[in-house]
Structure formats: C-alpha cells, structure tokens
C-alpha cells in the first residue's frame, strides 16, 4: 500500500524543526521588514530561517513540477528587484529526480527533502541571491585560490565567515608590505599603509569598509546588526578586491 502524502502542516513543522536542529532560528511569523518582502513575492515563504545575519526564504512546495521552475525564476527575479541578499530554499516531500535536482541547483535554489522515515536531507545548497562573483584576473596567482574560496563561502556557505576570510587575506597582504606591524589589528595596518603611501585615500576608505564587519563580529551583535553586514556583502567583496588589486 502506498504511503499517505505528507500533509502541508507536517511539511511546515518539519521545515521549522530541520532548521532549528542545524543551529538556525526559524519562524512562520515575520517581522515588518520580512512581511514587506513576502507580500512582494509571487509566493509567500512558508518560513524564514535566520543565522548570523543570513536569511533563508523557505518555500514548502511539497513536490517539483514543470511549473516549479517558472515560479522559482519569478521569485528570484522579484528578490533581485528588491536587492535582497537572501537564500531561497524549497522543501519537498516527494522524491526529486536527479534531472530536477540539477535544474533547481542551476538556479541557485537549495533543496531539502523531507522524508516520512528518517531525518530531512539537503540535496542542494542555495546560493546568495543578488550576489555577483568578482573578476580575479588582476590578482597575482598566489592569491587567487584563497580569494576564490572566501568568495565561494560568501555565495554558497556562510556569508559572514566568507567576508571575514577576505578581511584576513587583506590583513596578511598588508603585513607583507609592513613587516614591522605584523600581528597588529587590521585597522592599524590600514592607517600605517596610508601613511606609507601604500594606500590612497580612496583605498583606505575601501579597506575600512572591509574591516567594519570584523569590528562588528568581535563584539556582541544581534541578528539585525549582522544582517546589515550580509546586505553589504557585495560592496565588501568589491572593496576588498579593489584594495588587493592596488597593493599586489
């Protein structure tokens, strides 16, 4: 006998539980800001999960059909239009074919399969909406792998960890130019680099913007504060690359 389909209520409950078990907060009740975004989307998210400034917009679709791709493309377009740096995840109760999994993954949408027996499993990791990868050609070859990995974290994993990794790369490059200040805070390295003529006024300002998330991260901050760091991720990445281009 075929098993009964997972109810909509059960799918929503499993969605919340899955995120909470992996260290996120998740809720079907939205803040005023989240509600404004939700009302501008073709489909209202079933829940929003939060961690460290990141927000996953979760759509409990249940199954993937031909109409799913059109809907997801429309939602992604609407998020892009709002300039909202978020991730999109769909929760499915039915089996997802490998072909469907690839197509959804190519959109940058995450997939979590909720099983009637066993824990939910992640089939695809979401990519950060509204984020574009920078060009690496002007970086010296020795830097490219590390910068690419940090940017990949921003786009596909933990945004705040990725921007902090970029700041650390910048710090190490400034230490090479200012060996007498090795081990000093990045803010001090930036000031000394400007005094030494390594950085222009504009590059000093850009470096300060890269350093800002490190300052926020080093002290207690609520989700709203860290959310602002995530929303600035594109600018932080672009600023960091601009400074690295100038000093390497």
C-alpha atoms as a PDB file:
ATOM      1  CA  UNK A   1       0.000   0.000   0.000  1.00  0.00           C
ATOM      2  CA  UNK A   2       1.332   3.445  -0.924  1.00  0.00           C
ATOM      3  CA  UNK A   3       2.162   5.727   1.969  1.00  0.00           C
ATOM      4  CA  UNK A   4      -0.039   8.753   2.510  1.00  0.00           C
ATOM      5  CA  UNK A   5       1.430  12.028   1.280  1.00  0.00           C
ATOM      6  CA  UNK A   6       2.931  14.293   3.894  1.00  0.00           C
ATOM      7  CA  UNK A   7       0.379  16.924   4.884  1.00  0.00           C
ATOM      8  CA  UNK A   8       1.076  20.618   4.386  1.00  0.00           C
ATOM      9  CA  UNK A   9       1.069  21.133   8.150  1.00  0.00           C
ATOM     10  CA  UNK A  10       3.522  18.267   8.682  1.00  0.00           C
ATOM     11  CA  UNK A  11       5.810  19.659   5.979  1.00  0.00           C
ATOM     12  CA  UNK A  12       5.813  23.100   7.594  1.00  0.00           C
ATOM     13  CA  UNK A  13       6.582  21.583  11.005  1.00  0.00           C
ATOM     14  CA  UNK A  14       9.414  19.504   9.548  1.00  0.00           C
ATOM     15  CA  UNK A  15      10.799  22.640   7.896  1.00  0.00           C
ATOM     16  CA  UNK A  16      10.992  24.542  11.183  1.00  0.00           C
ATOM     17  CA  UNK A  17      12.432  21.548  13.039  1.00  0.00           C
ATOM     18  CA  UNK A  18      15.096  20.917  10.377  1.00  0.00           C
ATOM     19  CA  UNK A  19      16.493  24.426  10.631  1.00  0.00           C
ATOM     20  CA  UNK A  20      16.354  24.583  14.410  1.00  0.00           C
ATOM     21  CA  UNK A  21      18.260  21.298  14.680  1.00  0.00           C
ATOM     22  CA  UNK A  22      21.022  22.743  12.480  1.00  0.00           C
ATOM     23  CA  UNK A  23      21.510  25.844  14.639  1.00  0.00           C
ATOM     24  CA  UNK A  24      19.201  28.294  12.886  1.00  0.00           C
ATOM     25  CA  UNK A  25      16.193  30.117  14.230  1.00  0.00           C
ATOM     26  CA  UNK A  26      13.105  29.645  12.070  1.00  0.00           C
ATOM     27  CA  UNK A  27       9.610  31.032  12.202  1.00  0.00           C
ATOM     28  CA  UNK A  28       6.414  31.368  10.203  1.00  0.00           C
ATOM     29  CA  UNK A  29       5.842  34.738  11.902  1.00  0.00           C
ATOM     30  CA  UNK A  30       7.656  37.545  10.085  1.00  0.00           C
ATOM     31  CA  UNK A  31       8.947  40.930  11.157  1.00  0.00           C
ATOM     32  CA  UNK A  32       7.522  44.018   9.462  1.00  0.00           C
ATOM     33  CA  UNK A  33      10.511  44.158   7.082  1.00  0.00           C
ATOM     34  CA  UNK A  34      10.201  40.477   6.215  1.00  0.00           C
ATOM     35  CA  UNK A  35       6.457  40.853   5.731  1.00  0.00           C
ATOM     36  CA  UNK A  36       7.011  43.653   3.203  1.00  0.00           C
ATOM     37  CA  UNK A  37       9.282  41.389   1.174  1.00  0.00           C
ATOM     38  CA  UNK A  38       6.924  38.409   1.477  1.00  0.00           C
ATOM     39  CA  UNK A  39       3.988  40.394   0.111  1.00  0.00           C
ATOM     40  CA  UNK A  40       6.021  41.359  -2.961  1.00  0.00           C
ATOM     41  CA  UNK A  41       6.779  37.773  -3.956  1.00  0.00           C
ATOM     42  CA  UNK A  42       4.620  35.612  -6.205  1.00  0.00           C
ATOM     43  CA  UNK A  43       4.509  33.017  -3.436  1.00  0.00           C
ATOM     44  CA  UNK A  44       4.728  33.795   0.259  1.00  0.00           C
ATOM     45  CA  UNK A  45       7.557  31.925   2.046  1.00  0.00           C
ATOM     46  CA  UNK A  46       6.322  29.263   4.445  1.00  0.00           C
ATOM     47  CA  UNK A  47       9.015  30.338   6.912  1.00  0.00           C
ATOM     48  CA  UNK A  48      12.207  32.363   7.210  1.00  0.00           C
ATOM     49  CA  UNK A  49      15.259  30.834   8.859  1.00  0.00           C
ATOM     50  CA  UNK A  50      17.984  33.066  10.305  1.00  0.00           C
ATOM     51  CA  UNK A  51      21.551  32.658  11.439  1.00  0.00           C
ATOM     52  CA  UNK A  52      24.385  35.122  11.784  1.00  0.00           C
ATOM     53  CA  UNK A  53      22.749  37.729   9.566  1.00  0.00           C
ATOM     54  CA  UNK A  54      21.772  35.252   6.863  1.00  0.00           C
ATOM     55  CA  UNK A  55      18.152  34.595   5.961  1.00  0.00           C
ATOM     56  CA  UNK A  56      16.776  31.584   4.109  1.00  0.00           C
ATOM     57  CA  UNK A  57      13.419  32.162   2.457  1.00  0.00           C
ATOM     58  CA  UNK A  58      11.793  28.733   2.661  1.00  0.00           C
ATOM     59  CA  UNK A  59       9.063  27.621   0.294  1.00  0.00           C
ATOM     60  CA  UNK A  60       7.278  24.407   1.276  1.00  0.00           C
ATOM     61  CA  UNK A  61       6.368  23.265  -2.236  1.00  0.00           C
ATOM     62  CA  UNK A  62       5.979  19.582  -1.434  1.00  0.00           C
ATOM     63  CA  UNK A  63       6.876  18.437  -4.940  1.00  0.00           C
ATOM     64  CA  UNK A  64       8.618  19.622  -8.078  1.00  0.00           C
ATOM     65  CA  UNK A  65       6.566  20.033 -11.248  1.00  0.00           C
ATOM     66  CA  UNK A  66       7.137  21.760 -14.578  1.00  0.00           C
ATOM     67  CA  UNK A  67       5.519  24.884 -13.124  1.00  0.00           C
ATOM     68  CA  UNK A  68       8.044  24.916 -10.267  1.00  0.00           C
ATOM     69  CA  UNK A  69      10.831  26.329 -12.436  1.00  0.00           C
ATOM     70  CA  UNK A  70       8.760  29.216 -13.746  1.00  0.00           C
ATOM     71  CA  UNK A  71       7.657  30.030 -10.214  1.00  0.00           C
ATOM     72  CA  UNK A  72      11.190  29.914  -8.823  1.00  0.00           C
ATOM     73  CA  UNK A  73      12.536  32.072 -11.666  1.00  0.00           C
ATOM     74  CA  UNK A  74       9.833  34.632 -10.961  1.00  0.00           C
ATOM     75  CA  UNK A  75      10.587  34.631  -7.229  1.00  0.00           C
ATOM     76  CA  UNK A  76      14.309  35.035  -7.865  1.00  0.00           C
ATOM     77  CA  UNK A  77      13.601  37.921 -10.246  1.00  0.00           C
ATOM     78  CA  UNK A  78      11.433  39.606  -7.613  1.00  0.00           C
ATOM     79  CA  UNK A  79      14.102  39.161  -4.921  1.00  0.00           C
ATOM     80  CA  UNK A  80      16.709  40.566  -7.307  1.00  0.00           C
ATOM     81  CA  UNK A  81      14.493  43.566  -7.986  1.00  0.00           C
ATOM     82  CA  UNK A  82      14.232  44.186  -4.240  1.00  0.00           C
ATOM     83  CA  UNK A  83      18.021  43.878  -3.868  1.00  0.00           C
ATOM     84  CA  UNK A  84      17.551  41.402  -1.035  1.00  0.00           C
ATOM     85  CA  UNK A  85      20.669  39.331  -0.290  1.00  0.00           C
ATOM     86  CA  UNK A  86      18.944  36.162   0.829  1.00  0.00           C
ATOM     87  CA  UNK A  87      18.928  32.457   0.028  1.00  0.00           C
ATOM     88  CA  UNK A  88      15.969  30.570  -1.426  1.00  0.00           C
ATOM     89  CA  UNK A  89      15.241  27.008  -0.328  1.00  0.00           C
ATOM     90  CA  UNK A  90      12.417  24.678  -1.286  1.00  0.00           C
ATOM     91  CA  UNK A  91      11.179  21.896   0.974  1.00  0.00           C
ATOM     92  CA  UNK A  92       9.977  18.801  -0.863  1.00  0.00           C
ATOM     93  CA  UNK A  93       8.121  15.771   0.430  1.00  0.00           C
ATOM     94  CA  UNK A  94       8.111  13.823  -2.846  1.00  0.00           C
ATOM     95  CA  UNK A  95      11.160  12.306  -4.466  1.00  0.00           C
ATOM     96  CA  UNK A  96      13.216  14.757  -6.538  1.00  0.00           C
ATOM     97  CA  UNK A  97      14.725  13.309  -9.700  1.00  0.00           C
ATOM     98  CA  UNK A  98      18.386  13.912 -10.474  1.00  0.00           C
ATOM     99  CA  UNK A  99      17.388  15.966 -13.510  1.00  0.00           C
ATOM    100  CA  UNK A 100      15.107  18.196 -11.422  1.00  0.00           C
ATOM    101  CA  UNK A 101      17.774  18.480  -8.734  1.00  0.00           C
ATOM    102  CA  UNK A 102      20.310  19.720 -11.296  1.00  0.00           C
ATOM    103  CA  UNK A 103      17.895  22.227 -12.814  1.00  0.00           C
ATOM    104  CA  UNK A 104      16.943  23.689  -9.443  1.00  0.00           C
ATOM    105  CA  UNK A 105      20.560  23.757  -8.309  1.00  0.00           C
ATOM    106  CA  UNK A 106      21.485  25.632 -11.506  1.00  0.00           C
ATOM    107  CA  UNK A 107      19.017  28.340 -10.431  1.00  0.00           C
ATOM    108  CA  UNK A 108      20.926  28.712  -7.164  1.00  0.00           C
ATOM    109  CA  UNK A 109      17.988  27.385  -5.158  1.00  0.00           C
ATOM    110  CA  UNK A 110      18.515  24.976  -2.276  1.00  0.00           C
ATOM    111  CA  UNK A 111      16.534  21.761  -1.830  1.00  0.00           C
ATOM    112  CA  UNK A 112      15.674  19.950   1.380  1.00  0.00           C
ATOM    113  CA  UNK A 113      13.916  16.606   1.082  1.00  0.00           C
ATOM    114  CA  UNK A 114      11.600  15.832   3.982  1.00  0.00           C
ATOM    115  CA  UNK A 115      11.251  12.074   4.365  1.00  0.00           C
ATOM    116  CA  UNK A 116       8.461  10.283   6.176  1.00  0.00           C
ATOM    117  CA  UNK A 117      11.052   7.946   7.621  1.00  0.00           C
ATOM    118  CA  UNK A 118      14.365   9.444   8.671  1.00  0.00           C
ATOM    119  CA  UNK A 119      15.685  12.968   9.046  1.00  0.00           C
ATOM    120  CA  UNK A 120      15.352  15.562   6.245  1.00  0.00           C
ATOM    121  CA  UNK A 121      18.351  15.736   3.935  1.00  0.00           C
ATOM    122  CA  UNK A 122      19.798  18.639   1.985  1.00  0.00           C
ATOM    123  CA  UNK A 123      20.026  17.851  -1.737  1.00  0.00           C
ATOM    124  CA  UNK A 124      21.308  21.231  -2.908  1.00  0.00           C
ATOM    125  CA  UNK A 125      22.917  24.214  -1.199  1.00  0.00           C
ATOM    126  CA  UNK A 126      21.393  27.612  -2.052  1.00  0.00           C
ATOM    127  CA  UNK A 127      23.441  30.467  -3.492  1.00  0.00           C
ATOM    128  CA  UNK A 128      23.163  34.031  -2.258  1.00  0.00           C
ATOM    129  CA  UNK A 129      20.633  35.988  -4.312  1.00  0.00           C
ATOM    130  CA  UNK A 130      21.724  39.349  -5.775  1.00  0.00           C
ATOM    131  CA  UNK A 131      25.417  38.494  -5.404  1.00  0.00           C
ATOM    132  CA  UNK A 132      27.807  38.524  -8.354  1.00  0.00           C
ATOM    133  CA  UNK A 133      31.247  36.958  -8.303  1.00  0.00           C
ATOM    134  CA  UNK A 134      34.144  39.367  -8.975  1.00  0.00           C
ATOM    135  CA  UNK A 135      36.846  39.063 -11.616  1.00  0.00           C
ATOM    136  CA  UNK A 136      40.127  37.577 -10.419  1.00  0.00           C
ATOM    137  CA  UNK A 137      42.464  38.188 -13.357  1.00  0.00           C
ATOM    138  CA  UNK A 138      44.229  41.173 -11.769  1.00  0.00           C
ATOM    139  CA  UNK A 139      45.101  39.241  -8.620  1.00  0.00           C
ATOM    140  CA  UNK A 140      48.502  37.614  -8.503  1.00  0.00           C
ATOM    141  CA  UNK A 141      48.196  33.836  -8.947  1.00  0.00           C
ATOM    142  CA  UNK A 142      49.226  33.089  -5.369  1.00  0.00           C
ATOM    143  CA  UNK A 143      46.188  34.949  -4.032  1.00  0.00           C
ATOM    144  CA  UNK A 144      43.523  33.670  -6.360  1.00  0.00           C
ATOM    145  CA  UNK A 145      42.745  30.327  -4.706  1.00  0.00           C
ATOM    146  CA  UNK A 146      42.281  31.853  -1.262  1.00  0.00           C
ATOM    147  CA  UNK A 147      40.152  34.720  -2.531  1.00  0.00           C
ATOM    148  CA  UNK A 148      38.034  32.384  -4.665  1.00  0.00           C
ATOM    149  CA  UNK A 149      37.414  30.145  -1.670  1.00  0.00           C
ATOM    150  CA  UNK A 150      36.410  33.091   0.515  1.00  0.00           C
ATOM    151  CA  UNK A 151      34.043  34.391  -2.173  1.00  0.00           C
ATOM    152  CA  UNK A 152      32.605  30.885  -2.570  1.00  0.00           C
ATOM    153  CA  UNK A 153      31.810  30.891   1.151  1.00  0.00           C
ATOM    154  CA  UNK A 154      30.043  34.222   0.733  1.00  0.00           C
ATOM    155  CA  UNK A 155      27.981  32.911  -2.179  1.00  0.00           C
ATOM    156  CA  UNK A 156      27.281  29.347  -1.082  1.00  0.00           C
ATOM    157  CA  UNK A 157      28.011  28.812   2.596  1.00  0.00           C
ATOM    158  CA  UNK A 158      28.311  31.299   5.449  1.00  0.00           C
ATOM    159  CA  UNK A 159      28.336  34.900   4.246  1.00  0.00           C
ATOM    160  CA  UNK A 160      29.894  36.382   7.385  1.00  0.00           C
ATOM    161  CA  UNK A 161      32.658  33.770   7.526  1.00  0.00           C
ATOM    162  CA  UNK A 162      33.442  34.471   3.881  1.00  0.00           C
ATOM    163  CA  UNK A 163      33.790  38.234   4.350  1.00  0.00           C
ATOM    164  CA  UNK A 164      35.927  37.681   7.447  1.00  0.00           C
ATOM    165  CA  UNK A 165      38.187  35.367   5.453  1.00  0.00           C
ATOM    166  CA  UNK A 166      38.593  38.108   2.847  1.00  0.00           C
ATOM    167  CA  UNK A 167      39.500  40.613   5.543  1.00  0.00           C
ATOM    168  CA  UNK A 168      42.122  38.199   6.850  1.00  0.00           C
ATOM    169  CA  UNK A 169      43.617  37.864   3.364  1.00  0.00           C
ATOM    170  CA  UNK A 170      43.830  41.659   3.163  1.00  0.00           C
ATOM    171  CA  UNK A 171      45.427  41.783   6.592  1.00  0.00           C
ATOM    172  CA  UNK A 172      48.141  39.302   5.604  1.00  0.00           C
ATOM    173  CA  UNK A 173      48.906  41.222   2.411  1.00  0.00           C
ATOM    174  CA  UNK A 174      49.307  44.469   4.341  1.00  0.00           C
ATOM    175  CA  UNK A 175      51.576  42.704   6.840  1.00  0.00           C
ATOM    176  CA  UNK A 176      53.835  41.681   3.948  1.00  0.00           C
ATOM    177  CA  UNK A 177      54.120  45.324   2.933  1.00  0.00           C
ATOM    178  CA  UNK A 178      54.518  46.475   6.574  1.00  0.00           C
ATOM    179  CA  UNK A 179      56.505  43.716   8.343  1.00  0.00           C
ATOM    180  CA  UNK A 180      57.199  45.972  11.339  1.00  0.00           C
ATOM    181  CA  UNK A 181      53.460  45.928  12.105  1.00  0.00           C
ATOM    182  CA  UNK A 182      52.893  42.188  11.746  1.00  0.00           C
ATOM    183  CA  UNK A 183      50.309  40.947  14.230  1.00  0.00           C
ATOM    184  CA  UNK A 184      48.755  44.377  14.677  1.00  0.00           C
ATOM    185  CA  UNK A 185      44.994  44.966  14.179  1.00  0.00           C
ATOM    186  CA  UNK A 186      43.832  45.454  10.619  1.00  0.00           C
ATOM    187  CA  UNK A 187      42.655  48.989  11.402  1.00  0.00           C
ATOM    188  CA  UNK A 188      46.168  49.984  12.440  1.00  0.00           C
ATOM    189  CA  UNK A 189      47.671  48.315   9.377  1.00  0.00           C
ATOM    190  CA  UNK A 190      45.320  50.326   7.181  1.00  0.00           C
ATOM    191  CA  UNK A 191      46.363  53.611   8.861  1.00  0.00           C
ATOM    192  CA  UNK A 192      50.050  52.793   8.511  1.00  0.00           C
ATOM    193  CA  UNK A 193      49.623  51.711   4.895  1.00  0.00           C
ATOM    194  CA  UNK A 194      48.088  55.105   4.117  1.00  0.00           C
ATOM    195  CA  UNK A 195      50.947  56.921   5.863  1.00  0.00           C
ATOM    196  CA  UNK A 196      53.465  54.881   3.871  1.00  0.00           C
ATOM    197  CA  UNK A 197      51.732  55.685   0.583  1.00  0.00           C
ATOM    198  CA  UNK A 198      50.742  52.048   0.014  1.00  0.00           C
ATOM    199  CA  UNK A 199      47.068  53.003   0.035  1.00  0.00           C
ATOM    200  CA  UNK A 200      45.410  56.068  -1.459  1.00  0.00           C
ATOM    201  CA  UNK A 201      42.645  57.911   0.384  1.00  0.00           C
ATOM    202  CA  UNK A 202      40.024  56.015  -1.621  1.00  0.00           C
ATOM    203  CA  UNK A 203      41.640  52.653  -0.977  1.00  0.00           C
ATOM    204  CA  UNK A 204      41.951  53.458   2.719  1.00  0.00           C
ATOM    205  CA  UNK A 205      38.206  54.116   2.840  1.00  0.00           C
ATOM    206  CA  UNK A 206      37.537  50.852   0.991  1.00  0.00           C
ATOM    207  CA  UNK A 207      39.791  48.932   3.384  1.00  0.00           C
ATOM    208  CA  UNK A 208      37.933  50.439   6.342  1.00  0.00           C
ATOM    209  CA  UNK A 209      34.672  49.121   4.917  1.00  0.00           C
ATOM    210  CA  UNK A 210      36.222  45.662   4.688  1.00  0.00           C
ATOM    211  CA  UNK A 211      37.388  45.944   8.294  1.00  0.00           C
ATOM    212  CA  UNK A 212      33.978  47.053   9.587  1.00  0.00           C
ATOM    213  CA  UNK A 213      32.481  43.506   9.708  1.00  0.00           C
ATOM    214  CA  UNK A 214      35.468  42.344  11.771  1.00  0.00           C
ATOM    215  CA  UNK A 215      34.740  45.061  14.321  1.00  0.00           C
ATOM    216  CA  UNK A 216      31.059  44.086  14.461  1.00  0.00           C
ATOM    217  CA  UNK A 217      31.910  40.398  14.639  1.00  0.00           C
ATOM    218  CA  UNK A 218      34.347  40.889  17.513  1.00  0.00           C
ATOM    219  CA  UNK A 219      31.608  42.280  19.742  1.00  0.00           C
ATOM    220  CA  UNK A 220      28.161  41.068  20.638  1.00  0.00           C
ATOM    221  CA  UNK A 221      25.659  41.889  17.912  1.00  0.00           C
ATOM    222  CA  UNK A 222      22.050  40.956  17.302  1.00  0.00           C
ATOM    223  CA  UNK A 223      20.711  39.485  14.092  1.00  0.00           C
ATOM    224  CA  UNK A 224      19.721  42.876  12.722  1.00  0.00           C
ATOM    225  CA  UNK A 225      23.279  44.173  13.059  1.00  0.00           C
ATOM    226  CA  UNK A 226      24.787  41.129  11.384  1.00  0.00           C
ATOM    227  CA  UNK A 227      22.064  41.229   8.773  1.00  0.00           C
ATOM    228  CA  UNK A 228      23.367  44.647   7.730  1.00  0.00           C
ATOM    229  CA  UNK A 229      26.795  43.078   7.197  1.00  0.00           C
ATOM    230  CA  UNK A 230      25.254  40.424   4.951  1.00  0.00           C
ATOM    231  CA  UNK A 231      23.357  43.066   2.984  1.00  0.00           C
ATOM    232  CA  UNK A 232      26.673  44.845   2.355  1.00  0.00           C
ATOM    233  CA  UNK A 233      28.438  41.643   1.271  1.00  0.00           C
ATOM    234  CA  UNK A 234      28.699  42.680  -2.383  1.00  0.00           C
ATOM    235  CA  UNK A 235      30.260  46.038  -1.517  1.00  0.00           C
ATOM    236  CA  UNK A 236      32.635  44.420   0.979  1.00  0.00           C
ATOM    237  CA  UNK A 237      33.836  41.878  -1.578  1.00  0.00           C
ATOM    238  CA  UNK A 238      34.247  44.528  -4.283  1.00  0.00           C
ATOM    239  CA  UNK A 239      36.110  46.853  -1.900  1.00  0.00           C
ATOM    240  CA  UNK A 240      38.441  44.089  -0.754  1.00  0.00           C
ATOM    241  CA  UNK A 241      39.298  43.106  -4.321  1.00  0.00           C
ATOM    242  CA  UNK A 242      39.913  46.756  -5.248  1.00  0.00           C
ATOM    243  CA  UNK A 243      42.396  47.142  -2.381  1.00  0.00           C
ATOM    244  CA  UNK A 244      44.120  43.842  -3.197  1.00  0.00           C
ATOM    245  CA  UNK A 245      44.425  44.909  -6.845  1.00  0.00           C
ATOM    246  CA  UNK A 246      46.110  48.116  -5.684  1.00  0.00           C
ATOM    247  CA  UNK A 247      48.690  46.583  -3.340  1.00  0.00           C
ATOM    248  CA  UNK A 248      49.631  43.291  -5.032  1.00  0.00           C
END
